[in-house]
Amino acid sequence: ETGRLAVELLTAADDHFANIVGERINDNNNERKGIDREITQEALEMVKNGTALSTDAATIVYNPTWNKGVVGIVASRLVEAFYKPTIVLTKCLCRGAYDEGK
Protein backbone atom coordinates (compact mmCIF):
# COMPACT_ATOMS: atom_id res chain seq x y z
CA GLU A 1 0.00 0.00 0.00
CA THR A 2 2.82 2.43 0.79
CA GLY A 3 4.13 2.47 -2.78
CA ARG A 4 0.65 3.05 -4.15
CA LEU A 5 0.07 5.89 -1.69
CA ALA A 6 3.34 7.55 -2.69
CA VAL A 7 2.27 7.50 -6.35
CA GLU A 8 -1.15 8.91 -5.40
CA LEU A 9 0.53 11.69 -3.44
CA LEU A 10 2.86 12.63 -6.28
CA THR A 11 0.06 12.58 -8.85
CA ALA A 12 -2.66 14.23 -6.72
CA ALA A 13 -4.81 16.62 -8.72
CA ASP A 14 -5.46 18.96 -5.79
CA ASP A 15 -4.02 19.95 -2.42
CA HIS A 16 -6.93 18.53 -0.40
CA PHE A 17 -6.47 15.02 -1.80
CA ALA A 18 -2.68 15.31 -1.43
CA ASN A 19 -3.10 16.21 2.25
CA ILE A 20 -5.38 13.21 2.85
CA VAL A 21 -2.91 10.84 1.20
CA GLY A 22 0.01 12.47 3.02
CA GLU A 23 -1.73 11.91 6.36
CA ARG A 24 -2.25 8.22 5.50
CA ILE A 25 1.42 7.88 4.61
CA ASN A 26 2.37 9.57 7.89
CA ASP A 27 0.04 7.27 9.86
CA ASN A 28 1.55 4.21 8.18
CA ASN A 29 5.05 5.48 8.95
CA ASN A 30 4.19 6.07 12.61
CA GLU A 31 2.76 2.55 12.85
CA ARG A 32 5.93 1.12 11.30
CA LYS A 33 8.06 3.07 13.80
CA GLY A 34 6.08 1.57 16.68
CA ILE A 35 6.53 -1.94 15.30
CA ASP A 36 10.26 -1.24 14.82
CA ARG A 37 10.65 -0.06 18.44
CA GLU A 38 8.74 -3.06 19.82
CA ILE A 39 10.69 -5.66 17.83
CA THR A 40 14.02 -3.94 18.56
CA GLN A 41 13.27 -4.05 22.28
CA GLU A 42 12.31 -7.74 22.07
CA ALA A 43 15.51 -8.55 20.16
CA LEU A 44 17.68 -6.62 22.64
CA GLU A 45 16.05 -8.51 25.51
CA MET A 46 16.69 -11.83 23.73
CA VAL A 47 20.40 -11.00 23.49
CA LYS A 48 20.60 -9.79 27.08
CA ASN A 49 18.76 -12.76 28.59
CA GLY A 50 20.62 -15.35 26.52
CA THR A 51 17.75 -16.61 24.34
CA ALA A 52 19.49 -15.38 21.17
CA LEU A 53 22.55 -16.91 19.60
CA SER A 54 25.23 -14.37 20.44
CA THR A 55 28.97 -14.91 20.31
CA ASP A 56 31.95 -12.59 20.09
CA ALA A 57 31.71 -12.95 16.30
CA ALA A 58 27.99 -12.41 15.57
CA THR A 59 24.41 -12.22 16.84
CA ILE A 60 21.42 -14.13 15.49
CA VAL A 61 17.86 -13.57 16.72
CA TYR A 62 14.63 -15.21 15.58
CA ASN A 63 10.96 -14.74 16.28
CA PRO A 64 8.36 -16.16 13.90
CA THR A 65 5.88 -13.37 14.64
CA TRP A 66 8.08 -10.39 13.77
CA ASN A 67 7.07 -8.19 10.85
CA LYS A 68 9.35 -8.92 7.90
CA GLY A 69 9.15 -5.30 6.81
CA VAL A 70 11.28 -4.07 9.71
CA VAL A 71 13.79 -6.87 10.35
CA GLY A 72 16.47 -5.01 8.39
CA ILE A 73 16.01 -1.93 10.53
CA VAL A 74 16.12 -4.08 13.67
CA ALA A 75 19.34 -5.74 12.46
CA SER A 76 20.90 -2.29 12.02
CA ARG A 77 19.87 -1.28 15.53
CA LEU A 78 21.42 -4.43 17.00
CA VAL A 79 24.66 -3.74 15.10
CA GLU A 80 24.65 -0.26 16.67
CA ALA A 81 24.10 -1.78 20.12
CA PHE A 82 26.62 -4.64 19.96
CA TYR A 83 29.10 -3.65 17.20
CA LYS A 84 29.12 -7.03 15.43
CA PRO A 85 27.45 -8.69 12.45
CA THR A 86 23.80 -9.47 13.15
CA ILE A 87 21.14 -11.60 11.51
CA VAL A 88 17.47 -11.10 12.34
CA LEU A 89 15.15 -13.90 11.25
CA THR A 90 11.39 -14.16 11.07
CA LYS A 91 8.94 -16.54 9.45
CA CYS A 92 7.28 -15.71 6.17
CA LEU A 93 4.22 -17.82 5.50
CA CYS A 94 4.91 -17.82 1.78
CA ARG A 95 8.51 -19.03 1.80
CA GLY A 96 9.56 -20.26 5.23
CA ALA A 97 12.24 -18.20 6.99
CA TYR A 98 12.93 -14.62 5.97
CA ASP A 99 16.17 -13.06 7.08
CA GLU A 100 17.98 -9.79 7.02
CA GLY A 101 21.60 -9.41 7.97
CA LYS A 102 23.81 -6.42 8.56
C-alpha atoms as a PDB file:
ATOM      1  CA  GLU A   1       0.000   0.000   0.000  1.00  0.00           C
ATOM      2  CA  THR A   2       2.825   2.427   0.790  1.00  0.00           C
ATOM      3  CA  GLY A   3       4.129   2.467  -2.779  1.00  0.00           C
ATOM      4  CA  ARG A   4       0.646   3.050  -4.150  1.00  0.00           C
ATOM      5  CA  LEU A   5       0.066   5.887  -1.691  1.00  0.00           C
ATOM      6  CA  ALA A   6       3.336   7.553  -2.692  1.00  0.00           C
ATOM      7  CA  VAL A   7       2.268   7.503  -6.349  1.00  0.00           C
ATOM      8  CA  GLU A   8      -1.150   8.905  -5.397  1.00  0.00           C
ATOM      9  CA  LEU A   9       0.533  11.694  -3.435  1.00  0.00           C
ATOM     10  CA  LEU A  10       2.855  12.631  -6.277  1.00  0.00           C
ATOM     11  CA  THR A  11       0.057  12.582  -8.850  1.00  0.00           C
ATOM     12  CA  ALA A  12      -2.656  14.225  -6.720  1.00  0.00           C
ATOM     13  CA  ALA A  13      -4.811  16.617  -8.716  1.00  0.00           C
ATOM     14  CA  ASP A  14      -5.458  18.959  -5.787  1.00  0.00           C
ATOM     15  CA  ASP A  15      -4.019  19.948  -2.417  1.00  0.00           C
ATOM     16  CA  HIS A  16      -6.929  18.530  -0.403  1.00  0.00           C
ATOM     17  CA  PHE A  17      -6.466  15.017  -1.801  1.00  0.00           C
ATOM     18  CA  ALA A  18      -2.679  15.311  -1.435  1.00  0.00           C
ATOM     19  CA  ASN A  19      -3.101  16.209   2.249  1.00  0.00           C
ATOM     20  CA  ILE A  20      -5.377  13.212   2.852  1.00  0.00           C
ATOM     21  CA  VAL A  21      -2.908  10.838   1.197  1.00  0.00           C
ATOM     22  CA  GLY A  22       0.007  12.472   3.020  1.00  0.00           C
ATOM     23  CA  GLU A  23      -1.732  11.914   6.357  1.00  0.00           C
ATOM     24  CA  ARG A  24      -2.255   8.223   5.502  1.00  0.00           C
ATOM     25  CA  ILE A  25       1.422   7.885   4.615  1.00  0.00           C
ATOM     26  CA  ASN A  26       2.370   9.568   7.887  1.00  0.00           C
ATOM     27  CA  ASP A  27       0.036   7.273   9.865  1.00  0.00           C
ATOM     28  CA  ASN A  28       1.550   4.211   8.181  1.00  0.00           C
ATOM     29  CA  ASN A  29       5.047   5.480   8.950  1.00  0.00           C
ATOM     30  CA  ASN A  30       4.195   6.068  12.609  1.00  0.00           C
ATOM     31  CA  GLU A  31       2.759   2.553  12.853  1.00  0.00           C
ATOM     32  CA  ARG A  32       5.935   1.123  11.303  1.00  0.00           C
ATOM     33  CA  LYS A  33       8.057   3.069  13.800  1.00  0.00           C
ATOM     34  CA  GLY A  34       6.077   1.571  16.681  1.00  0.00           C
ATOM     35  CA  ILE A  35       6.533  -1.938  15.295  1.00  0.00           C
ATOM     36  CA  ASP A  36      10.255  -1.236  14.821  1.00  0.00           C
ATOM     37  CA  ARG A  37      10.648  -0.061  18.442  1.00  0.00           C
ATOM     38  CA  GLU A  38       8.739  -3.056  19.822  1.00  0.00           C
ATOM     39  CA  ILE A  39      10.692  -5.655  17.833  1.00  0.00           C
ATOM     40  CA  THR A  40      14.018  -3.943  18.556  1.00  0.00           C
ATOM     41  CA  GLN A  41      13.268  -4.050  22.278  1.00  0.00           C
ATOM     42  CA  GLU A  42      12.313  -7.741  22.069  1.00  0.00           C
ATOM     43  CA  ALA A  43      15.511  -8.546  20.164  1.00  0.00           C
ATOM     44  CA  LEU A  44      17.680  -6.618  22.642  1.00  0.00           C
ATOM     45  CA  GLU A  45      16.051  -8.515  25.510  1.00  0.00           C
ATOM     46  CA  MET A  46      16.691 -11.828  23.734  1.00  0.00           C
ATOM     47  CA  VAL A  47      20.397 -11.002  23.488  1.00  0.00           C
ATOM     48  CA  LYS A  48      20.597  -9.788  27.083  1.00  0.00           C
ATOM     49  CA  ASN A  49      18.757 -12.759  28.590  1.00  0.00           C
ATOM     50  CA  GLY A  50      20.616 -15.354  26.524  1.00  0.00           C
ATOM     51  CA  THR A  51      17.749 -16.614  24.343  1.00  0.00           C
ATOM     52  CA  ALA A  52      19.488 -15.382  21.168  1.00  0.00           C
ATOM     53  CA  LEU A  53      22.551 -16.911  19.601  1.00  0.00           C
ATOM     54  CA  SER A  54      25.226 -14.375  20.444  1.00  0.00           C
ATOM     55  CA  THR A  55      28.972 -14.915  20.306  1.00  0.00           C
ATOM     56  CA  ASP A  56      31.946 -12.591  20.092  1.00  0.00           C
ATOM     57  CA  ALA A  57      31.707 -12.954  16.303  1.00  0.00           C
ATOM     58  CA  ALA A  58      27.986 -12.408  15.572  1.00  0.00           C
ATOM     59  CA  THR A  59      24.414 -12.219  16.838  1.00  0.00           C
ATOM     60  CA  ILE A  60      21.416 -14.133  15.490  1.00  0.00           C
ATOM     61  CA  VAL A  61      17.855 -13.567  16.724  1.00  0.00           C
ATOM     62  CA  TYR A  62      14.629 -15.211  15.583  1.00  0.00           C
ATOM     63  CA  ASN A  63      10.961 -14.736  16.284  1.00  0.00           C
ATOM     64  CA  PRO A  64       8.359 -16.162  13.897  1.00  0.00           C
ATOM     65  CA  THR A  65       5.878 -13.372  14.640  1.00  0.00           C
ATOM     66  CA  TRP A  66       8.080 -10.394  13.771  1.00  0.00           C
ATOM     67  CA  ASN A  67       7.074  -8.194  10.853  1.00  0.00           C
ATOM     68  CA  LYS A  68       9.353  -8.922   7.896  1.00  0.00           C
ATOM     69  CA  GLY A  69       9.150  -5.296   6.806  1.00  0.00           C
ATOM     70  CA  VAL A  70      11.284  -4.066   9.707  1.00  0.00           C
ATOM     71  CA  VAL A  71      13.786  -6.867  10.350  1.00  0.00           C
ATOM     72  CA  GLY A  72      16.471  -5.012   8.385  1.00  0.00           C
ATOM     73  CA  ILE A  73      16.013  -1.930  10.532  1.00  0.00           C
ATOM     74  CA  VAL A  74      16.124  -4.081  13.670  1.00  0.00           C
ATOM     75  CA  ALA A  75      19.335  -5.737  12.459  1.00  0.00           C
ATOM     76  CA  SER A  76      20.897  -2.292  12.023  1.00  0.00           C
ATOM     77  CA  ARG A  77      19.866  -1.281  15.534  1.00  0.00           C
ATOM     78  CA  LEU A  78      21.422  -4.432  16.999  1.00  0.00           C
ATOM     79  CA  VAL A  79      24.656  -3.738  15.104  1.00  0.00           C
ATOM     80  CA  GLU A  80      24.651  -0.264  16.668  1.00  0.00           C
ATOM     81  CA  ALA A  81      24.105  -1.785  20.116  1.00  0.00           C
ATOM     82  CA  PHE A  82      26.618  -4.644  19.957  1.00  0.00           C
ATOM     83  CA  TYR A  83      29.099  -3.646  17.201  1.00  0.00           C
ATOM     84  CA  LYS A  84      29.117  -7.031  15.434  1.00  0.00           C
ATOM     85  CA  PRO A  85      27.451  -8.694  12.448  1.00  0.00           C
ATOM     86  CA  THR A  86      23.801  -9.465  13.152  1.00  0.00           C
ATOM     87  CA  ILE A  87      21.143 -11.598  11.508  1.00  0.00           C
ATOM     88  CA  VAL A  88      17.472 -11.096  12.344  1.00  0.00           C
ATOM     89  CA  LEU A  89      15.152 -13.898  11.250  1.00  0.00           C
ATOM     90  CA  THR A  90      11.393 -14.164  11.070  1.00  0.00           C
ATOM     91  CA  LYS A  91       8.940 -16.545   9.453  1.00  0.00           C
ATOM     92  CA  CYS A  92       7.285 -15.706   6.175  1.00  0.00           C
ATOM     93  CA  LEU A  93       4.223 -17.820   5.501  1.00  0.00           C
ATOM     94  CA  CYS A  94       4.905 -17.823   1.780  1.00  0.00           C
ATOM     95  CA  ARG A  95       8.511 -19.034   1.797  1.00  0.00           C
ATOM     96  CA  GLY A  96       9.559 -20.259   5.234  1.00  0.00           C
ATOM     97  CA  ALA A  97      12.244 -18.202   6.989  1.00  0.00           C
ATOM     98  CA  TYR A  98      12.926 -14.616   5.974  1.00  0.00           C
ATOM     99  CA  ASP A  99      16.173 -13.058   7.079  1.00  0.00           C
ATOM    100  CA  GLU A 100      17.981  -9.793   7.021  1.00  0.00           C
ATOM    101  CA  GLY A 101      21.600  -9.415   7.967  1.00  0.00           C
ATOM    102  CA  LYS A 102      23.806  -6.416   8.560  1.00  0.00           C
END
